[in-house]
Amino acid sequence: MDLGLLIIRGLGGFIMLAHGWPKWPNRSRVAASWAQGGMPVPHVAVPVAYIVEVPGGLLYMLGLLTGWTSVLMVAFMLVVTWWSIGVRREPLVSFGVKGYDVNLALLAMFLATALAGAGRYSLDAALAISPYWPMR
């Protein structure tokens, strides 16, 4: 199980970093694109997304404060998924157009670590931080 949690954290954190990293240098363009898509206050949403995805993704990958980071990521993915379904009316499956299937997969990953903790191969374990905080 610990190896599985390491894989989930590594992949989930990497995906968040990859999505967040280009947002900051291109924040004006991203905000304009999000505004066209109907995003309210995109000039606030872009920095929030960047902060969740980059520092949050790094903490998640390292397994540091994993319970809190997982809960943050779950909340973020719930908002992103709601946006994809409720506002953008995206289909479930990405086939020629963006779907919300990847959102659901990431949500499941973050829920898994929110419930199970970071596992033995994490900074939480190395620093004796409770692997289940705040969910247990």
N, C-alpha and C. Protein backbone atom coordinates (compact mmCIF):
# COMPACT_ATOMS: atom_id res chain seq x y z
N MET A 1 0.81 -1.19 0.00
CA MET A 1 0.00 0.00 0.00
C MET A 1 0.86 1.26 0.00
N ASP A 2 1.97 1.23 0.73
CA ASP A 2 2.82 2.42 0.80
C ASP A 2 3.41 2.78 -0.57
N LEU A 3 3.79 1.76 -1.33
CA LEU A 3 4.31 2.01 -2.67
C LEU A 3 3.22 2.59 -3.57
N GLY A 4 2.01 2.09 -3.45
CA GLY A 4 0.88 2.63 -4.21
C GLY A 4 0.62 4.09 -3.88
N LEU A 5 0.69 4.44 -2.59
CA LEU A 5 0.49 5.84 -2.19
C LEU A 5 1.60 6.73 -2.74
N LEU A 6 2.82 6.21 -2.75
CA LEU A 6 3.94 6.97 -3.33
C LEU A 6 3.69 7.24 -4.81
N ILE A 7 3.22 6.23 -5.53
CA ILE A 7 2.94 6.39 -6.97
C ILE A 7 1.82 7.40 -7.18
N ILE A 8 0.76 7.29 -6.39
CA ILE A 8 -0.35 8.24 -6.50
C ILE A 8 0.13 9.66 -6.23
N ARG A 9 0.89 9.85 -5.15
CA ARG A 9 1.39 11.18 -4.82
C ARG A 9 2.33 11.72 -5.89
N GLY A 10 3.21 10.86 -6.38
CA GLY A 10 4.17 11.31 -7.39
C GLY A 10 3.48 11.74 -8.67
N LEU A 11 2.56 10.92 -9.14
CA LEU A 11 1.86 11.24 -10.38
C LEU A 11 0.90 12.42 -10.20
N GLY A 12 0.12 12.41 -9.12
CA GLY A 12 -0.82 13.51 -8.88
C GLY A 12 -0.10 14.84 -8.71
N GLY A 13 0.99 14.84 -7.95
CA GLY A 13 1.76 16.06 -7.75
C GLY A 13 2.40 16.55 -9.04
N PHE A 14 2.92 15.62 -9.83
CA PHE A 14 3.53 15.98 -11.11
C PHE A 14 2.50 16.60 -12.06
N ILE A 15 1.30 16.01 -12.11
CA ILE A 15 0.25 16.56 -12.98
C ILE A 15 -0.13 17.97 -12.54
N MET A 16 -0.25 18.17 -11.23
CA MET A 16 -0.61 19.51 -10.74
C MET A 16 0.50 20.52 -11.06
N LEU A 17 1.75 20.13 -10.86
CA LEU A 17 2.87 21.01 -11.21
C LEU A 17 2.88 21.35 -12.69
N ALA A 18 2.66 20.34 -13.52
CA ALA A 18 2.68 20.54 -14.98
C ALA A 18 1.55 21.48 -15.41
N HIS A 19 0.41 21.40 -14.75
CA HIS A 19 -0.71 22.28 -15.10
C HIS A 19 -0.50 23.69 -14.55
N GLY A 20 0.12 23.80 -13.40
CA GLY A 20 0.27 25.10 -12.75
C GLY A 20 1.45 25.92 -13.20
N TRP A 21 2.57 25.24 -13.50
CA TRP A 21 3.82 25.95 -13.79
C TRP A 21 3.68 27.02 -14.89
N PRO A 22 3.05 26.73 -16.03
CA PRO A 22 2.98 27.75 -17.08
C PRO A 22 1.95 28.85 -16.82
N LYS A 23 1.15 28.72 -15.80
CA LYS A 23 0.12 29.73 -15.56
C LYS A 23 0.70 31.09 -15.17
N TRP A 24 1.71 31.09 -14.31
CA TRP A 24 2.20 32.38 -13.80
C TRP A 24 2.86 33.24 -14.88
N PRO A 25 3.81 32.70 -15.66
CA PRO A 25 4.41 33.56 -16.68
C PRO A 25 3.42 33.97 -17.77
N ASN A 26 2.34 33.23 -17.92
CA ASN A 26 1.32 33.52 -18.94
C ASN A 26 0.01 33.96 -18.30
N ARG A 27 0.08 34.53 -17.10
CA ARG A 27 -1.14 34.81 -16.34
C ARG A 27 -2.11 35.74 -17.04
N SER A 28 -1.63 36.72 -17.78
CA SER A 28 -2.53 37.63 -18.50
C SER A 28 -3.30 36.88 -19.58
N ARG A 29 -2.59 36.04 -20.32
CA ARG A 29 -3.23 35.25 -21.37
C ARG A 29 -4.20 34.22 -20.80
N VAL A 30 -3.81 33.58 -19.70
CA VAL A 30 -4.67 32.59 -19.05
C VAL A 30 -5.93 33.27 -18.51
N ALA A 31 -5.75 34.43 -17.86
CA ALA A 31 -6.90 35.17 -17.32
C ALA A 31 -7.85 35.59 -18.44
N ALA A 32 -7.31 36.04 -19.56
CA ALA A 32 -8.15 36.45 -20.70
C ALA A 32 -8.92 35.24 -21.25
N SER A 33 -8.25 34.11 -21.34
CA SER A 33 -8.90 32.89 -21.83
C SER A 33 -10.01 32.45 -20.87
N TRP A 34 -9.72 32.49 -19.58
CA TRP A 34 -10.71 32.11 -18.58
C TRP A 34 -11.89 33.08 -18.57
N ALA A 35 -11.61 34.36 -18.79
CA ALA A 35 -12.68 35.36 -18.85
C ALA A 35 -13.60 35.07 -20.03
N GLN A 36 -13.01 34.68 -21.17
CA GLN A 36 -13.82 34.31 -22.34
C GLN A 36 -14.70 33.11 -22.05
N GLY A 37 -14.21 32.20 -21.20
CA GLY A 37 -14.98 31.02 -20.83
C GLY A 37 -16.02 31.29 -19.75
N GLY A 38 -16.10 32.55 -19.31
CA GLY A 38 -17.10 32.91 -18.32
C GLY A 38 -16.64 32.85 -16.87
N MET A 39 -15.37 32.70 -16.65
CA MET A 39 -14.84 32.63 -15.28
C MET A 39 -14.97 34.00 -14.62
N PRO A 40 -15.66 34.06 -13.47
CA PRO A 40 -15.71 35.32 -12.75
C PRO A 40 -14.35 35.61 -12.11
N VAL A 41 -13.98 36.85 -12.04
CA VAL A 41 -12.71 37.33 -11.48
C VAL A 41 -11.50 36.46 -11.86
N PRO A 42 -11.23 36.32 -13.14
CA PRO A 42 -10.10 35.46 -13.56
C PRO A 42 -8.76 35.99 -13.07
N HIS A 43 -8.65 37.29 -12.84
CA HIS A 43 -7.38 37.84 -12.35
C HIS A 43 -7.09 37.38 -10.91
N VAL A 44 -8.10 36.90 -10.21
CA VAL A 44 -7.92 36.31 -8.89
C VAL A 44 -7.79 34.79 -9.00
N ALA A 45 -8.56 34.19 -9.90
CA ALA A 45 -8.58 32.74 -10.06
C ALA A 45 -7.23 32.19 -10.53
N VAL A 46 -6.54 32.91 -11.40
CA VAL A 46 -5.25 32.42 -11.92
C VAL A 46 -4.21 32.29 -10.82
N PRO A 47 -3.98 33.34 -10.00
CA PRO A 47 -3.01 33.15 -8.91
C PRO A 47 -3.41 32.08 -7.90
N VAL A 48 -4.71 31.97 -7.62
CA VAL A 48 -5.16 30.92 -6.70
C VAL A 48 -4.86 29.55 -7.29
N ALA A 49 -5.17 29.35 -8.56
CA ALA A 49 -4.89 28.07 -9.21
C ALA A 49 -3.39 27.78 -9.20
N TYR A 50 -2.59 28.80 -9.48
CA TYR A 50 -1.13 28.62 -9.48
C TYR A 50 -0.63 28.19 -8.10
N ILE A 51 -1.11 28.84 -7.06
CA ILE A 51 -0.67 28.53 -5.69
C ILE A 51 -1.09 27.11 -5.29
N VAL A 52 -2.29 26.72 -5.65
CA VAL A 52 -2.75 25.36 -5.33
C VAL A 52 -1.93 24.35 -6.11
N GLU A 53 -1.74 24.59 -7.39
CA GLU A 53 -1.10 23.59 -8.26
C GLU A 53 0.40 23.48 -8.08
N VAL A 54 1.11 24.59 -7.91
CA VAL A 54 2.57 24.50 -7.85
C VAL A 54 3.09 24.20 -6.44
N PRO A 55 2.95 25.10 -5.47
CA PRO A 55 3.42 24.71 -4.13
C PRO A 55 2.63 23.52 -3.57
N GLY A 56 1.32 23.49 -3.81
CA GLY A 56 0.51 22.37 -3.34
C GLY A 56 0.92 21.06 -3.98
N GLY A 57 1.17 21.09 -5.29
CA GLY A 57 1.61 19.89 -6.00
C GLY A 57 2.95 19.39 -5.51
N LEU A 58 3.85 20.32 -5.20
CA LEU A 58 5.17 19.94 -4.69
C LEU A 58 5.06 19.30 -3.30
N LEU A 59 4.28 19.92 -2.41
CA LEU A 59 4.08 19.35 -1.08
C LEU A 59 3.45 17.96 -1.17
N TYR A 60 2.47 17.83 -2.06
CA TYR A 60 1.78 16.56 -2.25
C TYR A 60 2.75 15.49 -2.74
N MET A 61 3.58 15.84 -3.71
CA MET A 61 4.56 14.91 -4.25
C MET A 61 5.53 14.42 -3.18
N LEU A 62 5.99 15.34 -2.35
CA LEU A 62 6.95 15.01 -1.31
C LEU A 62 6.31 14.29 -0.13
N GLY A 63 4.99 14.35 -0.05
CA GLY A 63 4.32 13.74 1.08
C GLY A 63 4.50 14.54 2.35
N LEU A 64 4.47 15.86 2.23
CA LEU A 64 4.62 16.75 3.38
C LEU A 64 3.29 17.46 3.62
N LEU A 65 2.77 17.30 4.83
CA LEU A 65 1.44 17.85 5.18
C LEU A 65 0.39 17.29 4.22
N THR A 66 0.51 16.02 3.95
CA THR A 66 -0.30 15.37 2.92
C THR A 66 -1.79 15.43 3.20
N GLY A 67 -2.19 15.27 4.44
CA GLY A 67 -3.62 15.35 4.76
C GLY A 67 -4.20 16.69 4.37
N TRP A 68 -3.54 17.75 4.77
CA TRP A 68 -4.01 19.10 4.44
C TRP A 68 -3.93 19.37 2.95
N THR A 69 -2.82 18.96 2.34
CA THR A 69 -2.66 19.17 0.90
C THR A 69 -3.71 18.38 0.12
N SER A 70 -3.99 17.17 0.56
CA SER A 70 -5.01 16.35 -0.11
C SER A 70 -6.38 17.02 -0.04
N VAL A 71 -6.73 17.52 1.14
CA VAL A 71 -8.02 18.20 1.30
C VAL A 71 -8.08 19.44 0.42
N LEU A 72 -6.99 20.19 0.34
CA LEU A 72 -6.93 21.36 -0.53
C LEU A 72 -7.13 20.96 -1.99
N MET A 73 -6.45 19.89 -2.40
CA MET A 73 -6.57 19.41 -3.78
C MET A 73 -7.97 18.88 -4.08
N VAL A 74 -8.58 18.21 -3.12
CA VAL A 74 -9.96 17.72 -3.30
C VAL A 74 -10.88 18.91 -3.52
N ALA A 75 -10.76 19.93 -2.69
CA ALA A 75 -11.61 21.12 -2.84
C ALA A 75 -11.38 21.77 -4.21
N PHE A 76 -10.13 21.89 -4.61
CA PHE A 76 -9.78 22.49 -5.89
C PHE A 76 -10.39 21.69 -7.05
N MET A 77 -10.24 20.36 -6.98
CA MET A 77 -10.76 19.53 -8.07
C MET A 77 -12.29 19.51 -8.09
N LEU A 78 -12.93 19.65 -6.95
CA LEU A 78 -14.39 19.76 -6.94
C LEU A 78 -14.84 21.02 -7.68
N VAL A 79 -14.14 22.13 -7.44
CA VAL A 79 -14.46 23.38 -8.13
C VAL A 79 -14.20 23.25 -9.63
N VAL A 80 -13.05 22.69 -9.99
CA VAL A 80 -12.70 22.52 -11.40
C VAL A 80 -13.71 21.60 -12.10
N THR A 81 -14.10 20.53 -11.42
CA THR A 81 -15.06 19.59 -12.01
C THR A 81 -16.43 20.24 -12.13
N TRP A 82 -16.84 20.98 -11.11
CA TRP A 82 -18.12 21.71 -11.19
C TRP A 82 -18.08 22.68 -12.38
N TRP A 83 -16.97 23.37 -12.55
CA TRP A 83 -16.82 24.32 -13.66
C TRP A 83 -16.94 23.59 -15.01
N SER A 84 -16.26 22.46 -15.11
CA SER A 84 -16.28 21.68 -16.36
C SER A 84 -17.69 21.19 -16.70
N ILE A 85 -18.41 20.71 -15.69
CA ILE A 85 -19.74 20.14 -15.93
C ILE A 85 -20.81 21.22 -15.99
N GLY A 86 -20.85 22.06 -14.95
CA GLY A 86 -21.95 23.00 -14.80
C GLY A 86 -21.87 24.23 -15.66
N VAL A 87 -20.68 24.71 -15.93
CA VAL A 87 -20.53 25.96 -16.68
C VAL A 87 -20.12 25.69 -18.12
N ARG A 88 -19.08 24.90 -18.31
CA ARG A 88 -18.57 24.67 -19.66
C ARG A 88 -19.32 23.55 -20.39
N ARG A 89 -20.11 22.78 -19.66
CA ARG A 89 -20.90 21.69 -20.25
C ARG A 89 -20.03 20.70 -21.03
N GLU A 90 -18.88 20.37 -20.45
CA GLU A 90 -17.97 19.42 -21.10
C GLU A 90 -18.54 18.00 -20.98
N PRO A 91 -18.21 17.13 -21.93
CA PRO A 91 -18.64 15.73 -21.83
C PRO A 91 -17.79 15.00 -20.80
N LEU A 92 -18.24 13.84 -20.39
CA LEU A 92 -17.45 13.04 -19.44
C LEU A 92 -16.11 12.64 -20.04
N VAL A 93 -16.13 12.09 -21.23
CA VAL A 93 -14.92 11.54 -21.83
C VAL A 93 -14.27 12.53 -22.78
N SER A 94 -12.95 12.68 -22.64
CA SER A 94 -12.18 13.52 -23.55
C SER A 94 -11.97 12.75 -24.85
N PHE A 95 -12.70 13.13 -25.87
CA PHE A 95 -12.56 12.49 -27.17
C PHE A 95 -12.76 13.57 -28.23
N GLY A 96 -11.66 14.20 -28.62
CA GLY A 96 -11.73 15.30 -29.59
C GLY A 96 -11.97 16.64 -28.92
N VAL A 97 -12.59 16.64 -27.76
CA VAL A 97 -12.79 17.86 -26.97
C VAL A 97 -12.44 17.54 -25.52
N LYS A 98 -12.18 18.58 -24.75
CA LYS A 98 -11.83 18.37 -23.34
C LYS A 98 -13.05 17.85 -22.58
N GLY A 99 -12.82 16.81 -21.79
CA GLY A 99 -13.86 16.27 -20.93
C GLY A 99 -13.44 16.41 -19.48
N TYR A 100 -14.29 15.96 -18.59
CA TYR A 100 -13.96 16.06 -17.17
C TYR A 100 -13.51 14.73 -16.57
N ASP A 101 -13.17 13.77 -17.42
CA ASP A 101 -12.70 12.48 -16.94
C ASP A 101 -11.39 12.59 -16.15
N VAL A 102 -10.48 13.42 -16.62
CA VAL A 102 -9.20 13.60 -15.91
C VAL A 102 -9.44 14.27 -14.56
N ASN A 103 -10.38 15.21 -14.51
CA ASN A 103 -10.72 15.85 -13.24
C ASN A 103 -11.16 14.80 -12.21
N LEU A 104 -12.02 13.87 -12.66
CA LEU A 104 -12.51 12.84 -11.75
C LEU A 104 -11.39 11.90 -11.31
N ALA A 105 -10.47 11.57 -12.21
CA ALA A 105 -9.35 10.70 -11.86
C ALA A 105 -8.46 11.37 -10.81
N LEU A 106 -8.17 12.66 -11.00
CA LEU A 106 -7.37 13.39 -10.01
C LEU A 106 -8.11 13.51 -8.68
N LEU A 107 -9.40 13.76 -8.75
CA LEU A 107 -10.21 13.85 -7.53
C LEU A 107 -10.11 12.53 -6.75
N ALA A 108 -10.20 11.41 -7.44
CA ALA A 108 -10.10 10.10 -6.78
C ALA A 108 -8.72 9.92 -6.15
N MET A 109 -7.66 10.34 -6.83
CA MET A 109 -6.31 10.23 -6.29
C MET A 109 -6.18 11.02 -5.00
N PHE A 110 -6.67 12.26 -5.02
CA PHE A 110 -6.54 13.12 -3.85
C PHE A 110 -7.41 12.64 -2.70
N LEU A 111 -8.58 12.08 -3.01
CA LEU A 111 -9.43 11.50 -1.97
C LEU A 111 -8.74 10.29 -1.33
N ALA A 112 -8.07 9.49 -2.15
CA ALA A 112 -7.37 8.31 -1.62
C ALA A 112 -6.34 8.70 -0.57
N THR A 113 -5.53 9.71 -0.85
CA THR A 113 -4.50 10.11 0.11
C THR A 113 -5.10 10.90 1.27
N ALA A 114 -6.22 11.58 1.04
CA ALA A 114 -6.89 12.26 2.16
C ALA A 114 -7.37 11.22 3.18
N LEU A 115 -7.79 10.06 2.70
CA LEU A 115 -8.30 9.01 3.58
C LEU A 115 -7.21 8.09 4.11
N ALA A 116 -6.22 7.78 3.29
CA ALA A 116 -5.20 6.79 3.66
C ALA A 116 -3.94 7.42 4.24
N GLY A 117 -3.69 8.69 3.98
CA GLY A 117 -2.45 9.32 4.40
C GLY A 117 -1.39 9.22 3.32
N ALA A 118 -0.21 9.66 3.65
CA ALA A 118 0.88 9.73 2.67
C ALA A 118 1.60 8.41 2.47
N GLY A 119 1.56 7.54 3.47
CA GLY A 119 2.29 6.29 3.39
C GLY A 119 3.69 6.40 3.99
N ARG A 120 4.35 5.27 4.04
CA ARG A 120 5.67 5.18 4.67
C ARG A 120 6.74 5.98 3.93
N TYR A 121 6.62 6.08 2.60
CA TYR A 121 7.64 6.76 1.79
C TYR A 121 7.25 8.21 1.59
N SER A 122 7.29 8.98 2.66
CA SER A 122 6.88 10.38 2.60
C SER A 122 7.63 11.17 3.65
N LEU A 123 7.64 12.47 3.49
CA LEU A 123 8.24 13.32 4.52
C LEU A 123 7.38 13.33 5.77
N ASP A 124 6.07 13.14 5.61
CA ASP A 124 5.21 13.02 6.79
C ASP A 124 5.69 11.88 7.68
N ALA A 125 5.98 10.74 7.09
CA ALA A 125 6.45 9.58 7.86
C ALA A 125 7.84 9.85 8.44
N ALA A 126 8.73 10.43 7.64
CA ALA A 126 10.10 10.70 8.09
C ALA A 126 10.12 11.69 9.25
N LEU A 127 9.20 12.65 9.25
CA LEU A 127 9.14 13.67 10.29
C LEU A 127 8.14 13.33 11.39
N ALA A 128 7.57 12.13 11.31
CA ALA A 128 6.59 11.64 12.29
C ALA A 128 5.36 12.56 12.37
N ILE A 129 4.95 13.07 11.23
CA ILE A 129 3.69 13.83 11.15
C ILE A 129 2.59 12.81 10.91
N SER A 130 1.50 12.92 11.64
CA SER A 130 0.43 11.94 11.52
C SER A 130 0.01 11.81 10.05
N PRO A 131 0.06 10.59 9.50
CA PRO A 131 -0.29 10.42 8.09
C PRO A 131 -1.77 10.59 7.80
N TYR A 132 -2.59 10.62 8.84
CA TYR A 132 -4.02 10.68 8.63
C TYR A 132 -4.62 12.04 8.91
N TRP A 133 -3.86 12.97 9.38
CA TRP A 133 -4.37 14.29 9.68
C TRP A 133 -4.73 14.99 8.39
N PRO A 134 -5.83 15.65 8.23
CA PRO A 134 -6.89 15.94 9.19
C PRO A 134 -8.09 15.00 9.07
N MET A 135 -8.01 13.95 8.25
CA MET A 135 -9.19 13.13 7.97
C MET A 135 -9.50 12.10 9.05
N ARG A 136 -8.55 11.74 9.88
CA ARG A 136 -8.82 10.74 10.93
C ARG A 136 -8.46 11.27 12.28
